[in-house]
């Protein structure tokens, strides 16, 4: 962890730019960046604006900073700081709605319509344009900075992977050509999740190809993040690839304490991490539980992990009544996560924890339950940090007797390790798509505490804003 944090503060190469993007303070640079980083997808940065290595580097900083819109977006399409990670956690079982807005409740209740923009889809997919432009600029002006170029390809692949993990089948990945948008282009055809994963994999592979055999600290750091991301995409594409995915990220390649961290500016209150803003600050969401007392009545939600009441050290909780913070709606019990207690605590995009969980799932897929438990219990008894938060050690768990029980245990353990980091909805979808469980055995079901019953959504819809593209007619389907 020491190396991770030192890189965030002092390295001048690729990782310093991504990890410290929020804390650059050169006034002269700020004006250049503001001019360069205007919204550009489907627009484009004027070629005359990127006429030097310094301008290309500034463009790279802004592009990499936009990857974290997946989790932190003060200018989100929905509410400020709404994001893919928060909305997917709300649709799954990480968060519950403590707001009075119908749009938030529709997500929580799994009845989300395509006119709902809570997912911040448009801002996230627009970020791909910034990254493509930055790649072109860096290749032209700073081709020797292979770690920076690779990191941009990684960011592009990570965004595309996240879109496929969380949204319905029917995601267009269109782009422009020097400011010209041709909606009849094949690139604007809505793609299945499988097709988007394939494109994401190509871009992550491009990151690894650019890095080649480079062995400097910046290149090694980006390579580790790219390998974790590639392994995740392989698991997303099918269980048959679990073994190959695990082989990419052994401890000798990705140590358990590795973290690629997103940071925000400590000097600004408009650049906070989204989960802190939405839960700890304005209380639009609460950490979820399998039981909630609302307006004097107890509601039980089947399949939901009781994150708020389990007292698990990986998801520490502060009760709103103890903090004297009411929920936004004034009625829903508020439970406040304490992993990221402060507005600028760093947030892992990928980590060595992810690598160990990939290895554990590979063991599960060969019915090596004992091997899976060895990995899971090693994490429990010697827990690594999550950001800057250090969970307390936990006791080892007994080995499940059946493969079905082992599967349930694995995904429960993973849910606690990855809480709030944009992976839970994808895992619930995979339990349906790859592990042959029906959605009503996986997702929250039953009577919703704010009225009605839970719906059957298993993903986020691509919003109607995409209909400017005449090839897009809505989701191809809403399947897991």
Protein backbone atom coordinates (compact mmCIF):
# COMPACT_ATOMS: atom_id res chain seq x y z
CA UNK A 1 0.00 0.00 0.00
CA UNK A 2 2.92 2.34 0.72
CA UNK A 3 4.02 2.15 -2.89
CA UNK A 4 0.50 2.84 -4.11
CA UNK A 5 0.08 5.96 -2.06
CA UNK A 6 3.58 7.25 -2.86
CA UNK A 7 2.83 6.85 -6.55
CA UNK A 8 -0.35 8.84 -6.14
CA UNK A 9 1.62 11.72 -4.74
CA UNK A 10 4.99 11.78 -6.40
CA UNK A 11 5.45 9.82 -9.63
CA UNK A 12 5.34 12.08 -12.69
CA UNK A 13 4.39 9.43 -15.21
CA UNK A 14 1.12 7.73 -16.04
CA UNK A 15 -0.07 6.76 -12.60
CA UNK A 16 0.73 10.12 -11.06
CA UNK A 17 -1.54 11.73 -13.61
CA UNK A 18 -4.44 9.42 -12.97
CA UNK A 19 -4.05 9.20 -9.23
CA UNK A 20 -3.36 12.87 -8.68
CA UNK A 21 -5.54 14.30 -11.42
CA UNK A 22 -7.62 16.10 -8.81
CA UNK A 23 -4.68 17.73 -7.07
CA UNK A 24 -2.73 19.35 -9.91
CA UNK A 25 -2.31 22.98 -8.93
CA UNK A 26 -0.36 24.77 -11.67
CA UNK A 27 -2.48 27.79 -12.49
CA UNK A 28 -1.05 28.10 -15.97
CA UNK A 29 -1.96 24.50 -16.73
CA UNK A 30 -5.52 24.93 -15.45
CA UNK A 31 -6.42 27.44 -18.16
CA UNK A 32 -5.00 25.20 -20.89
CA UNK A 33 -6.87 22.19 -19.52
CA UNK A 34 -10.15 24.09 -19.31
CA UNK A 35 -9.81 25.07 -22.97
CA UNK A 36 -8.82 21.59 -24.08
CA UNK A 37 -11.28 19.57 -22.08
CA UNK A 38 -14.60 20.97 -23.18
CA UNK A 39 -17.22 18.27 -23.91
CA UNK A 40 -16.17 16.64 -27.14
CA UNK A 41 -18.08 13.46 -27.83
CA UNK A 42 -19.56 13.44 -30.42
CA UNK A 43 -17.45 16.62 -30.77
CA UNK A 44 -13.68 16.65 -30.99
CA UNK A 45 -10.75 18.69 -29.72
CA UNK A 46 -9.65 21.09 -32.47
CA UNK A 47 -6.40 19.79 -33.92
CA UNK A 48 -4.81 23.23 -33.50
CA UNK A 49 -5.47 23.09 -29.75
CA UNK A 50 -3.20 20.08 -29.34
CA UNK A 51 0.01 21.38 -30.80
CA UNK A 52 2.59 20.43 -28.22
CA UNK A 53 3.63 17.71 -25.82
CA UNK A 54 2.38 19.83 -22.90
CA UNK A 55 -1.06 20.13 -24.46
CA UNK A 56 -1.19 16.39 -25.17
CA UNK A 57 -0.22 15.66 -21.56
CA UNK A 58 -2.95 17.97 -20.28
CA UNK A 59 -5.48 16.26 -22.54
CA UNK A 60 -4.35 12.91 -21.15
CA UNK A 61 -4.87 14.09 -17.57
CA UNK A 62 -8.40 15.22 -18.33
CA UNK A 63 -9.27 12.04 -20.23
CA UNK A 64 -8.06 9.75 -17.46
CA UNK A 65 -9.89 11.87 -14.92
CA UNK A 66 -13.11 11.17 -16.80
CA UNK A 67 -12.83 7.43 -16.26
CA UNK A 68 -13.76 8.00 -12.63
CA UNK A 69 -17.13 9.45 -13.75
CA UNK A 70 -18.20 5.83 -13.38
CA UNK A 71 -18.19 6.51 -9.64
CA UNK A 72 -17.86 10.26 -9.12
CA UNK A 73 -19.59 12.85 -11.29
CA UNK A 74 -20.47 16.24 -9.77
CA UNK A 75 -22.19 17.17 -13.07
CA UNK A 76 -24.11 13.95 -13.62
CA UNK A 77 -27.12 13.78 -15.94
CA UNK A 78 -29.30 12.83 -12.99
CA UNK A 79 -28.61 14.21 -9.55
CA UNK A 80 -25.15 15.57 -8.79
CA UNK A 81 -22.81 12.65 -8.06
CA UNK A 82 -25.20 10.09 -9.47
CA UNK A 83 -23.16 7.43 -11.25
CA UNK A 84 -23.08 3.97 -12.77
CA UNK A 85 -21.57 2.51 -9.60
CA UNK A 86 -24.17 4.06 -7.30
CA UNK A 87 -27.13 3.32 -9.55
CA UNK A 88 -26.06 -0.29 -10.15
CA UNK A 89 -25.63 -0.77 -6.40
CA UNK A 90 -29.11 0.65 -5.87
CA UNK A 91 -30.62 -1.72 -8.44
CA UNK A 92 -28.78 -4.60 -6.77
CA UNK A 93 -28.68 -4.90 -2.97
CA UNK A 94 -25.83 -2.64 -1.87
CA UNK A 95 -27.95 0.47 -1.39
CA UNK A 96 -31.58 1.32 -0.75
CA UNK A 97 -33.46 4.48 -1.60
CA UNK A 98 -33.71 7.03 1.21
CA UNK A 99 -34.76 9.83 -1.14
CA UNK A 100 -38.23 11.07 -2.03
CA UNK A 101 -37.61 11.11 -5.80
CA UNK A 102 -39.57 8.60 -7.86
CA UNK A 103 -36.64 8.12 -10.24
CA UNK A 104 -34.47 6.86 -7.39
CA UNK A 105 -37.20 4.61 -6.08
CA UNK A 106 -37.77 3.09 -9.51
CA UNK A 107 -34.12 2.01 -9.59
CA UNK A 108 -34.29 0.55 -6.08
CA UNK A 109 -37.56 -1.22 -6.87
CA UNK A 110 -36.14 -2.72 -10.10
CA UNK A 111 -38.69 -0.93 -12.30
CA UNK A 112 -36.37 1.48 -14.09
CA UNK A 113 -37.64 2.98 -17.36
CA UNK A 114 -35.42 4.30 -20.17
CA UNK A 115 -36.36 7.93 -19.46
CA UNK A 116 -34.55 7.61 -16.12
CA UNK A 117 -31.08 9.18 -16.35
CA UNK A 118 -29.83 8.27 -12.86
CA UNK A 119 -27.15 6.00 -14.34
CA UNK A 120 -25.29 8.95 -15.92
CA UNK A 121 -24.94 6.85 -19.07
CA UNK A 122 -24.46 9.75 -21.49
CA UNK A 123 -21.64 11.39 -19.56
CA UNK A 124 -19.85 8.08 -19.15
CA UNK A 125 -20.06 7.04 -22.78
CA UNK A 126 -19.01 10.55 -23.87
CA UNK A 127 -15.81 10.04 -21.89
CA UNK A 128 -14.73 7.54 -24.52
CA UNK A 129 -14.31 10.41 -26.97
CA UNK A 130 -11.98 12.26 -24.64
CA UNK A 131 -9.88 9.15 -24.26
CA UNK A 132 -9.66 8.45 -28.00
CA UNK A 133 -8.56 12.04 -28.64
CA UNK A 134 -5.98 11.81 -25.86
CA UNK A 135 -4.59 8.57 -27.31
CA UNK A 136 -4.15 10.22 -30.71
CA UNK A 137 -2.49 13.27 -29.17
CA UNK A 138 -0.14 11.25 -26.99
CA UNK A 139 0.88 9.01 -29.88
CA UNK A 140 1.69 12.08 -31.96
CA UNK A 141 3.40 14.25 -29.36
CA UNK A 142 4.65 11.88 -26.66
CA UNK A 143 5.00 8.43 -28.24
CA UNK A 144 7.76 7.53 -25.80
CA UNK A 145 5.32 7.69 -22.87
CA UNK A 146 4.11 4.13 -23.29
CA UNK A 147 2.69 3.93 -19.75
CA UNK A 148 0.52 7.00 -20.38
CA UNK A 149 -0.75 5.68 -23.71
CA UNK A 150 -1.40 2.24 -22.22
CA UNK A 151 -3.29 3.79 -19.34
CA UNK A 152 -5.58 5.57 -21.78
CA UNK A 153 -6.32 2.30 -23.58
CA UNK A 154 -6.97 0.73 -20.17
CA UNK A 155 -9.41 3.50 -19.27
CA UNK A 156 -11.24 3.06 -22.57
CA UNK A 157 -11.55 -0.70 -22.04
CA UNK A 158 -12.58 -0.28 -18.42
CA UNK A 159 -15.43 2.07 -19.36
CA UNK A 160 -16.64 -0.30 -22.08
CA UNK A 161 -16.45 -3.27 -19.72
CA UNK A 162 -18.48 -1.31 -17.16
CA UNK A 163 -21.14 -0.44 -19.72
CA UNK A 164 -21.53 -4.10 -20.68
CA UNK A 165 -21.57 -5.25 -17.06
CA UNK A 166 -24.35 -2.90 -16.02
CA UNK A 167 -26.51 -1.97 -19.01
CA UNK A 168 -28.91 -3.92 -21.18
CA UNK A 169 -28.09 -5.49 -24.51
CA UNK A 170 -28.21 -2.72 -27.11
CA UNK A 171 -25.29 -0.38 -26.37
CA UNK A 172 -24.08 1.73 -29.32
CA UNK A 173 -20.38 2.59 -29.27
CA UNK A 174 -20.50 5.22 -31.98
CA UNK A 175 -17.84 7.85 -32.55
CA UNK A 176 -17.18 10.78 -34.83
CA UNK A 177 -14.59 11.46 -37.48
CA UNK A 178 -13.11 14.93 -36.89
CA UNK A 179 -16.42 16.31 -35.70
CA UNK A 180 -18.58 14.56 -38.29
CA UNK A 181 -21.17 12.13 -36.98
CA UNK A 182 -22.50 9.51 -39.37
CA UNK A 183 -25.34 7.75 -37.60
CA UNK A 184 -25.57 5.30 -40.50
CA UNK A 185 -22.08 4.05 -39.68
CA UNK A 186 -21.84 0.47 -38.40
CA UNK A 187 -20.24 1.88 -35.24
CA UNK A 188 -23.62 3.29 -34.22
CA UNK A 189 -25.31 -0.10 -34.40
CA UNK A 190 -26.53 -1.17 -30.94
CA UNK A 191 -24.34 -3.99 -29.66
CA UNK A 192 -25.00 -6.92 -27.38
CA UNK A 193 -23.14 -7.06 -24.09
CA UNK A 194 -21.01 -9.85 -25.55
CA UNK A 195 -19.99 -7.62 -28.45
CA UNK A 196 -19.12 -4.74 -26.10
CA UNK A 197 -17.00 -7.07 -23.97
CA UNK A 198 -15.12 -8.09 -27.10
CA UNK A 199 -14.34 -4.46 -27.92
CA UNK A 200 -13.33 -3.76 -24.33
CA UNK A 201 -10.97 -6.73 -24.46
CA UNK A 202 -9.32 -5.40 -27.63
CA UNK A 203 -8.62 -2.06 -25.94
CA UNK A 204 -7.20 -3.65 -22.78
CA UNK A 205 -5.05 -5.89 -24.96
CA UNK A 206 -3.90 -2.73 -26.75
CA UNK A 207 -2.76 -1.37 -23.38
CA UNK A 208 -0.71 -4.50 -22.77
CA UNK A 209 0.72 -4.44 -26.30
CA UNK A 210 1.79 -0.80 -25.93
CA UNK A 211 3.52 -1.64 -22.65
CA UNK A 212 5.36 -4.55 -24.23
CA UNK A 213 8.30 -5.50 -22.01
CA UNK A 214 8.69 -2.07 -20.38
CA UNK A 215 9.70 -2.62 -16.77
CA UNK A 216 9.72 0.85 -15.23
CA UNK A 217 7.49 1.48 -12.21
CA UNK A 218 4.79 3.34 -14.14
CA UNK A 219 4.54 0.63 -16.80
CA UNK A 220 4.41 -2.17 -14.24
CA UNK A 221 1.70 -0.35 -12.32
CA UNK A 222 -0.52 0.13 -15.38
CA UNK A 223 0.17 -3.43 -16.54
CA UNK A 224 -1.15 -4.83 -13.25
CA UNK A 225 -4.37 -2.83 -13.56
CA UNK A 226 -4.76 -3.93 -17.18
CA UNK A 227 -4.29 -7.59 -16.30
CA UNK A 228 -6.95 -7.40 -13.57
CA UNK A 229 -9.33 -5.70 -15.99
CA UNK A 230 -8.63 -8.25 -18.71
CA UNK A 231 -9.28 -11.09 -16.25
CA UNK A 232 -12.59 -9.50 -15.24
CA UNK A 233 -13.66 -9.26 -18.87
CA UNK A 234 -12.78 -12.91 -19.38
CA UNK A 235 -14.98 -13.91 -16.44
CA UNK A 236 -17.76 -11.68 -17.76
CA UNK A 237 -17.60 -13.50 -21.08
CA UNK A 238 -17.92 -16.99 -19.63
CA UNK A 239 -17.03 -19.37 -16.83
CA UNK A 240 -14.96 -21.43 -19.24
CA UNK A 241 -12.37 -18.65 -19.17
CA UNK A 242 -12.04 -18.57 -15.37
CA UNK A 243 -8.82 -20.59 -15.29
CA UNK A 244 -7.16 -18.46 -17.94
CA UNK A 245 -8.31 -15.31 -16.16
CA UNK A 246 -6.77 -16.47 -12.88
CA UNK A 247 -3.50 -17.31 -14.62
CA UNK A 248 -3.12 -13.63 -15.55
CA UNK A 249 -3.17 -12.34 -11.97
CA UNK A 250 -1.28 -14.64 -9.57
CA UNK A 251 0.22 -13.02 -6.44
CA UNK A 252 3.63 -12.93 -8.10
CA UNK A 253 2.18 -10.62 -10.75
CA UNK A 254 -0.51 -8.76 -8.79
CA UNK A 255 0.17 -8.70 -5.04
CA UNK A 256 -2.82 -8.61 -2.74
CA UNK A 257 -2.02 -5.09 -1.50
CA UNK A 258 -1.99 -3.62 -5.02
CA UNK A 259 -4.46 -0.78 -5.60
CA UNK A 260 -5.14 1.50 -8.56
CA UNK A 261 -6.78 4.40 -6.76
CA UNK A 262 -9.03 7.19 -7.92
CA UNK A 263 -8.43 10.35 -5.92
CA UNK A 264 -10.27 13.65 -5.69
CA UNK A 265 -9.16 17.16 -4.83
CA UNK A 266 -8.88 17.99 -1.14
CA UNK A 267 -8.96 21.68 -2.03
CA UNK A 268 -12.38 21.55 -3.69
CA UNK A 269 -15.83 20.59 -2.42
CA UNK A 270 -17.03 19.98 -5.99
CA UNK A 271 -14.82 16.96 -6.60
CA UNK A 272 -15.86 14.47 -3.93
CA UNK A 273 -16.29 10.72 -4.21
CA UNK A 274 -19.83 9.89 -5.21
CA UNK A 275 -20.62 7.33 -2.52
CA UNK A 276 -19.66 9.81 0.20
CA UNK A 277 -21.82 12.52 -1.33
CA UNK A 278 -24.87 10.32 -1.94
CA UNK A 279 -24.76 8.36 1.32
CA UNK A 280 -22.69 10.18 3.94
CA UNK A 281 -23.50 13.76 3.01
CA UNK A 282 -26.94 14.23 1.46
CA UNK A 283 -28.33 10.81 2.44
CA UNK A 284 -30.14 10.06 -0.82
CA UNK A 285 -29.19 6.42 -0.39
CA UNK A 286 -28.68 4.20 2.63
CA UNK A 287 -26.61 1.06 2.94
CA UNK A 288 -29.10 -1.70 2.30
CA UNK A 289 -30.30 -4.54 4.49
CA UNK A 290 -32.53 -7.57 4.20
CA UNK A 291 -34.94 -6.08 6.73
CA UNK A 292 -36.06 -2.48 7.11
CA UNK A 293 -38.52 -0.85 9.46
CA UNK A 294 -40.26 1.89 7.53
CA UNK A 295 -43.11 4.00 8.91
CA UNK A 296 -43.45 1.59 11.81
CA UNK A 297 -43.70 -1.54 9.68
CA UNK A 298 -41.11 -4.28 9.15
CA UNK A 299 -40.32 -5.28 5.57
CA UNK A 300 -38.24 -8.33 4.66
CA UNK A 301 -36.39 -8.44 1.32
CA UNK A 302 -35.51 -11.89 0.11
CA UNK A 303 -32.05 -12.50 -1.41
CA UNK A 304 -30.63 -9.19 -0.18
CA UNK A 305 -27.41 -9.31 1.83
CA UNK A 306 -27.89 -7.53 5.18
CA UNK A 307 -24.96 -5.18 4.66
CA UNK A 308 -26.23 -2.70 7.25
CA UNK A 309 -26.78 -5.13 10.12
CA UNK A 310 -24.17 -7.86 9.64
CA UNK A 311 -21.46 -5.88 11.43
CA UNK A 312 -18.88 -7.08 8.93
CA UNK A 313 -15.57 -5.21 9.24
CA UNK A 314 -15.32 -4.89 5.46
CA UNK A 315 -18.47 -2.71 5.40
CA UNK A 316 -18.42 -0.70 8.64
CA UNK A 317 -21.63 1.18 9.35
CA UNK A 318 -22.58 4.31 11.26
CA UNK A 319 -26.27 4.65 12.04
CA UNK A 320 -27.84 7.90 10.98
CA UNK A 321 -29.51 8.32 14.36
CA UNK A 322 -26.13 8.09 16.06
CA UNK A 323 -24.59 10.60 13.66
CA UNK A 324 -27.68 12.82 13.98
CA UNK A 325 -28.07 12.75 10.21
CA UNK A 326 -31.58 12.14 8.85
CA UNK A 327 -32.26 10.44 5.55
CA UNK A 328 -33.23 12.72 2.68
CA UNK A 329 -36.86 11.57 2.87
CA UNK A 330 -36.92 11.85 6.66
CA UNK A 331 -38.42 8.38 7.10
CA UNK A 332 -36.11 5.67 5.77
CA UNK A 333 -33.61 4.45 8.41
CA UNK A 334 -30.19 5.76 7.40
CA UNK A 335 -27.09 3.57 7.52
CA UNK A 336 -23.85 5.29 6.55
CA UNK A 337 -20.88 3.40 5.11
CA UNK A 338 -17.55 4.06 6.80
CA UNK A 339 -15.10 2.59 4.27
CA UNK A 340 -14.78 6.05 2.76
CA UNK A 341 -15.47 8.21 5.80
CA UNK A 342 -14.19 11.40 4.24
CA UNK A 343 -15.16 13.16 1.04
CA UNK A 344 -11.75 12.65 -0.57
CA UNK A 345 -10.78 9.17 0.58
CA UNK A 346 -9.25 7.29 -2.38
CA UNK A 347 -11.43 4.75 -4.17
CA UNK A 348 -9.98 1.60 -5.81
CA UNK A 349 -10.81 1.12 -9.47
CA UNK A 350 -9.13 -2.30 -9.38
CA UNK A 351 -7.06 -3.99 -6.70
CA UNK A 352 -5.17 -7.06 -5.60
CA UNK A 353 -8.32 -8.09 -3.75
CA UNK A 354 -9.99 -8.39 -7.15
CA UNK A 355 -7.12 -10.57 -8.34
CA UNK A 356 -7.51 -12.96 -5.38
CA UNK A 357 -11.27 -13.16 -5.93
CA UNK A 358 -10.70 -14.02 -9.58
CA UNK A 359 -8.43 -16.86 -8.46
CA UNK A 360 -11.02 -18.03 -5.93
CA UNK A 361 -13.75 -18.10 -8.57
CA UNK A 362 -11.48 -20.09 -10.86
CA UNK A 363 -11.09 -22.68 -8.10
CA UNK A 364 -14.86 -22.73 -7.64
CA UNK A 365 -15.29 -23.41 -11.34
CA UNK A 366 -13.16 -26.53 -11.12
CA UNK A 367 -15.14 -27.67 -8.05
CA UNK A 368 -12.04 -27.07 -5.93
CA UNK A 369 -14.00 -25.82 -2.95
CA UNK A 370 -11.08 -26.33 -0.60
CA UNK A 371 -8.83 -24.25 -2.83
CA UNK A 372 -11.44 -21.52 -3.02
CA UNK A 373 -11.71 -21.44 0.76
CA UNK A 374 -7.94 -21.22 1.18
CA UNK A 375 -7.96 -18.00 -0.84
CA UNK A 376 -11.06 -16.55 0.81
CA UNK A 377 -9.86 -17.33 4.31
CA UNK A 378 -6.42 -15.89 3.62
CA UNK A 379 -8.15 -12.62 2.77
CA UNK A 380 -10.26 -12.81 5.91
CA UNK A 381 -7.44 -13.56 8.35
CA UNK A 382 -4.97 -11.08 6.80
CA UNK A 383 -7.24 -8.46 5.26
CA UNK A 384 -5.68 -5.95 2.86
CA UNK A 385 -6.69 -2.32 2.82
CA UNK A 386 -9.63 -1.02 0.80
CA UNK A 387 -8.44 2.41 -0.22
CA UNK A 388 -7.00 3.72 3.04
CA UNK A 389 -9.45 1.75 5.19
CA UNK A 390 -8.04 -1.24 7.05
CA UNK A 391 -10.64 -3.93 7.91
CA UNK A 392 -10.09 -5.91 11.08
CA UNK A 393 -9.07 -9.55 10.80
CA UNK A 394 -11.89 -12.07 10.62
CA UNK A 395 -12.15 -15.71 11.57
CA UNK A 396 -11.83 -18.36 8.89
CA UNK A 397 -15.03 -19.81 7.47
CA UNK A 398 -15.82 -23.53 7.34
CA UNK A 399 -15.75 -25.26 3.97
CA UNK A 400 -19.22 -25.57 2.37
CA UNK A 401 -20.46 -29.09 1.81
CA UNK A 402 -21.90 -28.58 -1.68
CA UNK A 403 -20.96 -26.72 -4.83
CA UNK A 404 -24.20 -24.74 -4.68
CA UNK A 405 -23.45 -23.61 -1.14
CA UNK A 406 -19.87 -22.79 -2.16
CA UNK A 407 -21.17 -20.62 -5.00
CA UNK A 408 -23.46 -18.71 -2.65
CA UNK A 409 -20.65 -18.24 -0.16
CA UNK A 410 -18.20 -17.04 -2.78
CA UNK A 411 -20.49 -14.35 -4.13
CA UNK A 412 -21.42 -13.27 -0.60
CA UNK A 413 -17.77 -12.91 0.35
CA UNK A 414 -17.07 -11.05 -2.87
CA UNK A 415 -19.99 -8.71 -2.17
CA UNK A 416 -18.39 -7.57 1.10
CA UNK A 417 -14.92 -7.18 -0.42
CA UNK A 418 -16.14 -5.18 -3.43
CA UNK A 419 -18.92 -3.18 -1.75
CA UNK A 420 -19.56 0.15 -3.47
CA UNK A 421 -17.08 -0.51 -6.30
CA UNK A 422 -19.42 -1.22 -9.18
CA UNK A 423 -19.22 -5.01 -9.28
CA UNK A 424 -22.31 -6.25 -7.48
CA UNK A 425 -24.89 -5.86 -10.26
CA UNK A 426 -22.60 -7.59 -12.73
CA UNK A 427 -22.13 -10.48 -10.30
CA UNK A 428 -25.88 -10.86 -9.79
CA UNK A 429 -26.32 -10.90 -13.55
CA UNK A 430 -23.63 -13.56 -13.86
CA UNK A 431 -25.36 -15.70 -11.24
CA UNK A 432 -28.36 -15.71 -13.58
CA UNK A 433 -26.51 -15.88 -16.90
CA UNK A 434 -23.63 -18.19 -16.03
CA UNK A 435 -24.67 -20.06 -12.88
CA UNK A 436 -28.23 -20.81 -14.04
CA UNK A 437 -30.05 -19.27 -11.11
CA UNK A 438 -33.35 -17.55 -11.74
CA UNK A 439 -33.51 -13.82 -11.06
CA UNK A 440 -35.96 -14.31 -8.19
CA UNK A 441 -33.30 -16.38 -6.37
CA UNK A 442 -30.65 -13.72 -6.89
CA UNK A 443 -32.08 -10.19 -6.90
CA UNK A 444 -34.13 -8.46 -4.18
CA UNK A 445 -37.73 -9.62 -4.27
CA UNK A 446 -40.86 -9.18 -2.18
CA UNK A 447 -42.82 -6.18 -1.03
CA UNK A 448 -40.94 -2.91 -1.33
CA UNK A 449 -40.97 -0.77 1.79
CA UNK A 450 -42.15 2.31 -0.14
CA UNK A 451 -45.11 0.53 -1.70
CA UNK A 452 -45.72 -2.11 -4.34
CA UNK A 453 -43.42 -5.03 -5.02
CA UNK A 454 -39.98 -5.37 -6.52
CA UNK A 455 -39.91 -5.62 -10.30
CA UNK A 456 -37.81 -7.90 -12.48
CA UNK A 457 -35.11 -5.60 -13.86
CA UNK A 458 -31.67 -7.22 -13.91
CA UNK A 459 -29.78 -4.38 -15.60
CA UNK A 460 -29.86 -0.66 -16.31
CA UNK A 461 -31.60 0.45 -19.52
CA UNK A 462 -29.71 2.45 -22.12
CA UNK A 463 -31.58 5.75 -21.73
CA UNK A 464 -33.79 7.40 -24.32
CA UNK A 465 -31.16 10.10 -24.85
CA UNK A 466 -29.46 7.57 -27.14
CA UNK A 467 -32.44 7.76 -29.53
CA UNK A 468 -30.79 10.64 -31.37
CA UNK A 469 -29.07 7.73 -33.07
CA UNK A 470 -31.71 6.40 -35.54
CA UNK A 471 -30.22 2.90 -35.35
CA UNK A 472 -31.04 2.74 -31.65
CA UNK A 473 -34.60 1.62 -30.93
CA UNK A 474 -34.18 0.89 -27.24
CA UNK A 475 -32.72 -2.11 -25.45
CA UNK A 476 -32.48 -5.22 -27.60
CA UNK A 477 -33.64 -7.06 -24.49
CA UNK A 478 -33.35 -6.75 -20.71
CA UNK A 479 -31.80 -10.20 -20.19
CA UNK A 480 -29.07 -10.84 -17.65
